[in-house]
Protein backbone atom coordinates (compact mmCIF):
# COMPACT_ATOMS: atom_id res chain seq x y z
CA UNK A 1 -105.87 -189.78 120.83
CA UNK A 2 -109.15 -190.94 119.27
CA UNK A 3 -111.52 -188.15 120.27
CA UNK A 4 -111.06 -184.44 120.06
CA UNK A 5 -110.69 -182.71 123.38
CA UNK A 6 -112.93 -179.80 124.33
CA UNK A 7 -111.26 -176.48 125.13
CA UNK A 8 -113.21 -173.49 126.45
CA UNK A 9 -111.64 -170.04 126.60
CA UNK A 10 -113.07 -167.20 128.67
CA UNK A 11 -112.32 -163.48 128.46
CA UNK A 12 -112.46 -160.47 126.19
CA UNK A 13 -110.41 -157.87 124.39
CA UNK A 14 -107.03 -158.26 122.72
CA UNK A 15 -105.92 -160.89 125.22
CA UNK A 16 -108.66 -163.27 124.12
CA UNK A 17 -107.66 -162.88 120.47
CA UNK A 18 -104.05 -163.67 121.41
CA UNK A 19 -105.12 -166.72 123.41
CA UNK A 20 -107.23 -168.10 120.57
CA UNK A 21 -104.39 -167.53 118.11
CA UNK A 22 -102.23 -169.62 120.45
CA UNK A 23 -104.94 -172.28 120.70
CA UNK A 24 -105.05 -172.50 116.91
CA UNK A 25 -101.34 -173.34 117.00
CA UNK A 26 -101.91 -175.77 119.87
CA UNK A 27 -104.50 -177.63 117.79
CA UNK A 28 -101.74 -178.72 115.44
CA UNK A 29 -100.41 -180.90 118.27
CA UNK A 30 -103.58 -181.57 120.27
CA UNK A 31 -106.75 -181.94 118.16
CA UNK A 32 -109.58 -180.17 119.95
CA UNK A 33 -112.91 -178.43 119.62
CA UNK A 34 -112.86 -174.83 120.80
CA UNK A 35 -115.56 -172.67 122.34
CA UNK A 36 -114.77 -169.03 123.10
CA UNK A 37 -116.98 -167.43 125.75
CA UNK A 38 -116.95 -163.65 125.55
CA UNK A 39 -117.97 -160.92 127.96
CA UNK A 40 -121.21 -159.13 127.08
CA UNK A 41 -120.55 -155.88 128.99
CA UNK A 42 -118.35 -153.89 126.59
CA UNK A 43 -119.75 -150.35 126.53
CA UNK A 44 -116.98 -148.32 124.88
CA UNK A 45 -116.00 -147.34 121.37
CA UNK A 46 -117.79 -148.79 118.36
CA UNK A 47 -119.37 -151.63 120.34
CA UNK A 48 -120.79 -149.26 122.93
CA UNK A 49 -122.31 -147.00 120.29
CA UNK A 50 -123.92 -149.94 118.49
CA UNK A 51 -125.40 -151.15 121.77
CA UNK A 52 -127.14 -147.80 122.19
CA UNK A 53 -128.00 -147.01 118.58
CA UNK A 54 -128.97 -150.49 117.38
CA UNK A 55 -130.04 -152.17 120.62
CA UNK A 56 -127.75 -155.18 120.18
CA UNK A 57 -125.09 -156.94 122.18
CA UNK A 58 -121.57 -155.51 121.79
CA UNK A 59 -120.02 -157.13 118.70
CA UNK A 60 -116.36 -156.09 119.05
CA UNK A 61 -114.91 -158.82 121.28
CA UNK A 62 -116.99 -161.47 119.52
CA UNK A 63 -115.63 -160.38 116.15
CA UNK A 64 -112.05 -160.57 117.42
CA UNK A 65 -112.60 -164.18 118.51
CA UNK A 66 -114.29 -165.07 115.23
CA UNK A 67 -111.32 -163.72 113.30
CA UNK A 68 -108.87 -165.65 115.48
CA UNK A 69 -110.71 -168.93 114.79
CA UNK A 70 -111.29 -168.28 111.09
CA UNK A 71 -109.85 -170.86 108.72
CA UNK A 72 -110.65 -168.90 105.57
CA UNK A 73 -107.94 -168.98 102.92
CA UNK A 74 -108.36 -165.19 102.84
CA UNK A 75 -108.01 -164.79 106.61
CA UNK A 76 -105.26 -162.18 106.59
CA UNK A 77 -107.15 -160.03 104.09
CA UNK A 78 -110.35 -160.38 106.10
CA UNK A 79 -108.58 -159.37 109.31
CA UNK A 80 -107.19 -156.25 107.66
CA UNK A 81 -110.52 -155.39 106.06
CA UNK A 82 -112.86 -156.05 108.99
CA UNK A 83 -110.64 -154.26 111.51
CA UNK A 84 -110.38 -151.14 109.36
CA UNK A 85 -112.16 -148.19 110.94
CA UNK A 86 -114.04 -145.43 109.20
CA UNK A 87 -112.53 -142.00 109.71
CA UNK A 88 -114.35 -138.99 111.05
CA UNK A 89 -114.81 -137.40 114.43
CA UNK A 90 -117.53 -138.77 116.65
CA UNK A 91 -120.73 -136.79 116.30
CA UNK A 92 -119.74 -135.40 112.92
CA UNK A 93 -119.78 -138.58 110.87
CA UNK A 94 -122.05 -141.38 112.03
CA UNK A 95 -119.64 -144.05 110.76
CA UNK A 96 -116.58 -142.44 112.36
CA UNK A 97 -114.83 -144.89 114.68
CA UNK A 98 -116.79 -147.96 113.58
CA UNK A 99 -114.93 -150.84 111.97
CA UNK A 100 -116.22 -152.85 109.04
CA UNK A 101 -116.55 -156.05 111.07
CA UNK A 102 -118.86 -154.51 113.65
CA UNK A 103 -121.03 -152.99 110.94
CA UNK A 104 -121.22 -156.28 109.02
CA UNK A 105 -122.23 -158.10 112.20
CA UNK A 106 -124.87 -155.46 112.92
CA UNK A 107 -126.25 -155.75 109.38
CA UNK A 108 -126.60 -159.53 109.72
CA UNK A 109 -128.37 -159.20 113.06
CA UNK A 110 -130.78 -156.64 111.63
CA UNK A 111 -131.40 -158.67 108.48
CA UNK A 112 -132.14 -161.89 110.40
CA UNK A 113 -133.88 -160.01 113.23
CA UNK A 114 -132.11 -162.29 115.66
CA UNK A 115 -128.71 -161.97 117.32
CA UNK A 116 -128.02 -165.72 117.32
CA UNK A 117 -128.79 -165.99 113.60
CA UNK A 118 -126.58 -163.01 112.88
CA UNK A 119 -123.82 -164.62 114.93
CA UNK A 120 -124.28 -167.87 112.98
CA UNK A 121 -123.97 -165.88 109.77
CA UNK A 122 -120.63 -164.44 110.92
CA UNK A 123 -119.42 -167.95 111.75
CA UNK A 124 -120.29 -169.10 108.25
CA UNK A 125 -118.90 -166.02 106.49
CA UNK A 126 -115.53 -166.34 108.25
CA UNK A 127 -115.47 -170.16 108.12
CA UNK A 128 -114.91 -170.33 111.87
CA UNK A 129 -113.41 -173.54 113.21
CA UNK A 130 -115.09 -173.51 116.59
CA UNK A 131 -117.82 -171.60 118.36
CA UNK A 132 -117.89 -168.06 119.76
CA UNK A 133 -120.64 -167.07 122.19
CA UNK A 134 -121.41 -164.20 124.54
CA UNK A 135 -121.73 -165.48 128.10
CA UNK A 136 -125.28 -164.09 128.19
CA UNK A 137 -127.63 -162.74 125.56
CA UNK A 138 -129.11 -160.25 128.03
CA UNK A 139 -128.37 -156.51 127.86
CA UNK A 140 -126.29 -155.90 131.00
CA UNK A 141 -123.88 -153.31 132.32
CA UNK A 142 -120.82 -153.87 134.50
CA UNK A 143 -120.81 -152.08 137.86
CA UNK A 144 -117.98 -151.66 140.34
CA UNK A 145 -117.13 -150.21 143.72
CA UNK A 146 -113.73 -148.92 144.79
CA UNK A 147 -112.24 -149.30 148.24
CA UNK A 148 -113.22 -145.69 148.97
CA UNK A 149 -116.84 -146.59 148.27
CA UNK A 150 -117.10 -144.82 144.91
CA UNK A 151 -119.42 -146.68 142.53
CA UNK A 152 -119.14 -146.85 138.75
CA UNK A 153 -121.41 -148.18 136.01
CA UNK A 154 -120.32 -149.13 132.51
CA UNK A 155 -117.30 -151.15 131.43
CA UNK A 156 -115.84 -148.22 129.52
CA UNK A 157 -115.91 -146.04 132.65
CA UNK A 158 -113.88 -148.66 134.49
CA UNK A 159 -111.55 -149.30 131.60
CA UNK A 160 -110.61 -145.62 131.27
CA UNK A 161 -110.60 -144.54 134.92
CA UNK A 162 -106.81 -144.94 135.08
CA UNK A 163 -106.29 -142.77 131.99
CA UNK A 164 -108.51 -140.06 133.45
CA UNK A 165 -106.71 -140.16 136.78
CA UNK A 166 -103.32 -139.97 135.06
CA UNK A 167 -104.36 -136.87 133.13
CA UNK A 168 -105.64 -135.27 136.34
CA UNK A 169 -102.54 -136.21 138.33
CA UNK A 170 -104.30 -138.33 140.93
CA UNK A 171 -104.27 -141.95 142.07
CA UNK A 172 -107.61 -143.78 141.78
CA UNK A 173 -108.88 -145.90 144.63
CA UNK A 174 -108.31 -149.65 144.07
CA UNK A 175 -111.33 -151.63 142.89
CA UNK A 176 -113.00 -153.76 145.55
CA UNK A 177 -115.80 -155.61 143.75
CA UNK A 178 -117.77 -155.86 140.51
CA UNK A 179 -121.31 -156.97 139.69
CA UNK A 180 -123.92 -156.75 136.95
CA UNK A 181 -126.68 -154.16 137.02
CA UNK A 182 -129.34 -156.87 136.97
CA UNK A 183 -129.64 -160.57 137.67
CA UNK A 184 -129.06 -162.62 134.53
CA UNK A 185 -128.12 -166.21 133.91
CA UNK A 186 -125.45 -167.44 131.58
CA UNK A 187 -126.81 -168.93 128.36
CA UNK A 188 -127.66 -172.64 128.81
CA UNK A 189 -125.32 -173.65 125.96
CA UNK A 190 -122.48 -171.73 127.62
CA UNK A 191 -123.06 -173.59 130.88
CA UNK A 192 -123.08 -176.94 129.06
CA UNK A 193 -119.81 -176.13 127.31
CA UNK A 194 -118.19 -175.23 130.63
CA UNK A 195 -119.45 -178.32 132.45
CA UNK A 196 -118.36 -180.66 129.62
CA UNK A 197 -114.97 -179.09 128.89
CA UNK A 198 -111.66 -180.90 129.21
CA UNK A 199 -109.74 -177.62 129.53
CA UNK A 200 -110.88 -174.12 130.51
CA UNK A 201 -108.50 -171.21 130.00
CA UNK A 202 -109.11 -167.76 131.48
CA UNK A 203 -107.17 -164.70 130.34
CA UNK A 204 -104.93 -163.04 129.59
CA UNK A 205 -106.77 -159.74 129.78
CA UNK A 206 -108.01 -157.06 132.14
CA UNK A 207 -109.14 -159.05 135.13
CA UNK A 208 -111.81 -156.58 136.28
CA UNK A 209 -113.29 -155.68 132.88
CA UNK A 210 -112.65 -158.72 130.67
CA UNK A 211 -112.34 -161.87 132.79
CA UNK A 212 -114.63 -161.29 135.79
CA UNK A 213 -117.60 -159.99 133.72
CA UNK A 214 -117.69 -163.37 131.98
CA UNK A 215 -117.93 -165.14 135.34
CA UNK A 216 -120.68 -162.98 136.89
CA UNK A 217 -123.87 -164.26 135.16
CA UNK A 218 -125.80 -166.79 137.20
CA UNK A 219 -124.66 -170.38 136.88
CA UNK A 220 -121.12 -169.65 135.71
CA UNK A 221 -119.36 -170.10 139.06
CA UNK A 222 -121.35 -173.27 139.75
CA UNK A 223 -120.61 -174.68 136.28
CA UNK A 224 -116.90 -173.94 136.71
CA UNK A 225 -116.88 -175.70 140.08
CA UNK A 226 -118.78 -178.70 138.72
CA UNK A 227 -116.58 -179.10 135.65
CA UNK A 228 -113.83 -181.70 135.81
CA UNK A 229 -111.79 -179.66 133.31
CA UNK A 230 -108.24 -178.54 133.96
CA UNK A 231 -108.70 -174.83 134.66
CA UNK A 232 -105.84 -172.54 133.69
CA UNK A 233 -105.49 -168.85 134.54
CA UNK A 234 -103.07 -166.92 132.29
CA UNK A 235 -102.01 -163.77 134.13
CA UNK A 236 -101.09 -160.47 132.53
CA UNK A 237 -97.54 -159.34 131.91
CA UNK A 238 -98.09 -155.76 133.07
CA UNK A 239 -100.27 -154.11 135.67
CA UNK A 240 -102.88 -151.52 134.64
CA UNK A 241 -103.14 -148.17 136.36
CA UNK A 242 -106.50 -147.82 138.07
CA UNK A 243 -107.25 -151.55 138.02
CA UNK A 244 -104.36 -153.76 139.04
CA UNK A 245 -101.78 -151.40 140.56
CA UNK A 246 -99.13 -153.32 142.49
CA UNK A 247 -100.59 -156.74 141.63
CA UNK A 248 -98.46 -159.84 141.67
CA UNK A 249 -99.34 -163.23 140.21
CA UNK A 250 -100.96 -164.41 143.43
CA UNK A 251 -103.12 -161.28 143.64
CA UNK A 252 -104.52 -161.99 140.17
CA UNK A 253 -105.39 -165.47 141.37
CA UNK A 254 -107.01 -164.25 144.58
CA UNK A 255 -109.25 -161.79 142.70
CA UNK A 256 -110.50 -164.54 140.36
CA UNK A 257 -110.96 -166.98 143.27
CA UNK A 258 -113.14 -164.41 145.04
CA UNK A 259 -115.75 -165.01 142.33
CA UNK A 260 -115.10 -168.67 141.53
CA UNK A 261 -114.17 -170.05 144.92
CA UNK A 262 -110.80 -171.03 146.30
CA UNK A 263 -109.34 -174.14 144.73
CA UNK A 264 -111.21 -173.82 141.42
CA UNK A 265 -108.11 -172.89 139.40
CA UNK A 266 -105.68 -175.77 138.79
CA UNK A 267 -102.81 -174.01 137.01
CA UNK A 268 -101.59 -170.41 136.95
CA UNK A 269 -99.40 -169.61 133.95
CA UNK A 270 -97.28 -166.46 134.16
CA UNK A 271 -94.44 -164.72 132.34
CA UNK A 272 -91.03 -164.78 134.03
CA UNK A 273 -88.96 -163.22 131.24
CA UNK A 274 -87.69 -159.69 132.02
CA UNK A 275 -88.70 -157.03 129.51
CA UNK A 276 -86.26 -154.66 127.76
CA UNK A 277 -85.68 -151.35 129.51
CA UNK A 278 -87.10 -149.31 126.64
CA UNK A 279 -90.42 -151.12 126.96
CA UNK A 280 -90.45 -150.76 130.74
CA UNK A 281 -89.73 -147.05 130.44
CA UNK A 282 -92.53 -146.61 127.96
CA UNK A 283 -95.09 -148.33 130.19
CA UNK A 284 -93.83 -146.57 133.32
CA UNK A 285 -95.05 -143.29 131.84
CA UNK A 286 -98.54 -144.80 132.07
CA UNK A 287 -97.90 -146.07 135.62
CA UNK A 288 -97.85 -149.66 134.36
CA UNK A 289 -95.26 -152.12 135.67
CA UNK A 290 -94.43 -155.84 135.43
CA UNK A 291 -96.71 -158.12 137.42
CA UNK A 292 -94.80 -159.29 140.49
CA UNK A 293 -93.47 -162.86 140.51
CA UNK A 294 -91.70 -163.04 143.89
CA UNK A 295 -92.49 -165.71 146.48
CA UNK A 296 -94.44 -167.97 144.14
CA UNK A 297 -95.53 -171.18 145.94
CA UNK A 298 -93.68 -174.26 144.72
CA UNK A 299 -96.14 -176.84 146.00
CA UNK A 300 -99.85 -177.33 146.44
CA UNK A 301 -102.84 -176.22 144.37
CA UNK A 302 -102.87 -174.42 142.06
CA UNK A 303 -99.67 -175.27 140.27
CA UNK A 304 -97.76 -172.15 139.24
CA UNK A 305 -96.00 -172.44 135.87
CA UNK A 306 -93.42 -169.89 134.73
CA UNK A 307 -92.61 -169.44 131.04
CA UNK A 308 -91.19 -166.97 128.57
CA UNK A 309 -94.45 -165.56 127.18
CA UNK A 310 -93.59 -161.99 126.21
CA UNK A 311 -93.62 -160.76 122.64
CA UNK A 312 -90.43 -159.33 121.17
CA UNK A 313 -92.35 -156.33 119.83
CA UNK A 314 -92.52 -152.86 121.35
CA UNK A 315 -95.63 -153.85 123.33
CA UNK A 316 -95.66 -155.92 126.51
CA UNK A 317 -98.03 -158.58 125.27
CA UNK A 318 -98.14 -162.35 125.10
CA UNK A 319 -96.68 -163.86 121.95
CA UNK A 320 -99.07 -166.50 120.57
CA UNK A 321 -96.30 -168.94 119.63
CA UNK A 322 -94.76 -168.82 123.11
CA UNK A 323 -98.15 -169.08 124.77
CA UNK A 324 -99.05 -172.09 122.60
CA UNK A 325 -95.81 -173.85 123.58
CA UNK A 326 -96.38 -173.20 127.27
CA UNK A 327 -99.96 -174.49 127.07
CA UNK A 328 -98.81 -177.59 125.17
CA UNK A 329 -96.28 -178.35 127.89
CA UNK A 330 -99.00 -178.09 130.51
CA UNK A 331 -101.72 -179.98 128.62
CA UNK A 332 -99.86 -182.69 126.72
CA UNK A 333 -99.43 -184.98 129.76
CA UNK A 334 -103.07 -184.40 130.69
CA UNK A 335 -104.72 -184.80 127.27
CA UNK A 336 -102.50 -187.34 125.59
């Protein structure tokens, strides 16, 4: 292969970090340039507080992607340092709950008086092999409506609605749709990266609060449809109470297709390895269960690919090495 291929990843949260870690392993077999497109709607925790207090885009998910793509010889030390959070209860200590990475990012943005320059500074500081960008540089909030007609605003409100319902002993109404609180367009560079990509990978991650928010800004759905890239959706291993209760692999696909258009996704990659009982029991206490894999279509588009993706740890998460192998098996015949 003479030229590097162009891979674009889309999402947010821990799942995006895991995916990019897998892509770093994949690059050892398939040389490629990587662009990570991150949701801009995070409103919880340290990122949410910095949005309000400093008037900047949420830095948390961006920092996670930067760390995943870092090629610094001190990467492990940097990960440990920049993820470390200051102690102290919220409201009592202003630094309580913030991590060093978010504060460093904020300092660079304030010093340069420009978010893009601050982001470039983080790329340089971490020696990032690739590019990480928010899907839009506009200040936006995620909104949602449940099937009962209840409306919510703020990503953190959606992300924690299941936890609140569990504490109160009730079952939340399933989510019906999401949108942004104002009309914004995706950044022009983001749209160019999507249109010119050879591979686009969505997920894993919370479909309603991590994946879909990155597809909502104007131009994203059209750019995805116009791109000749192989588009892969990596589904979650477990459902999430209050967001994806009772979902199977095909339901994940149908939710994404509602915003991208039917036929946009080429491959759906999902875990088919059963999890140990002790892990299942632990997640069951949170009303979280394995994503259903029955009656998967064997023909037609998209192509459904089963693989052993689950980590051997105590958490039901994707293991980067297994995910990298599965992606290589899918992409090697296409990109060779």
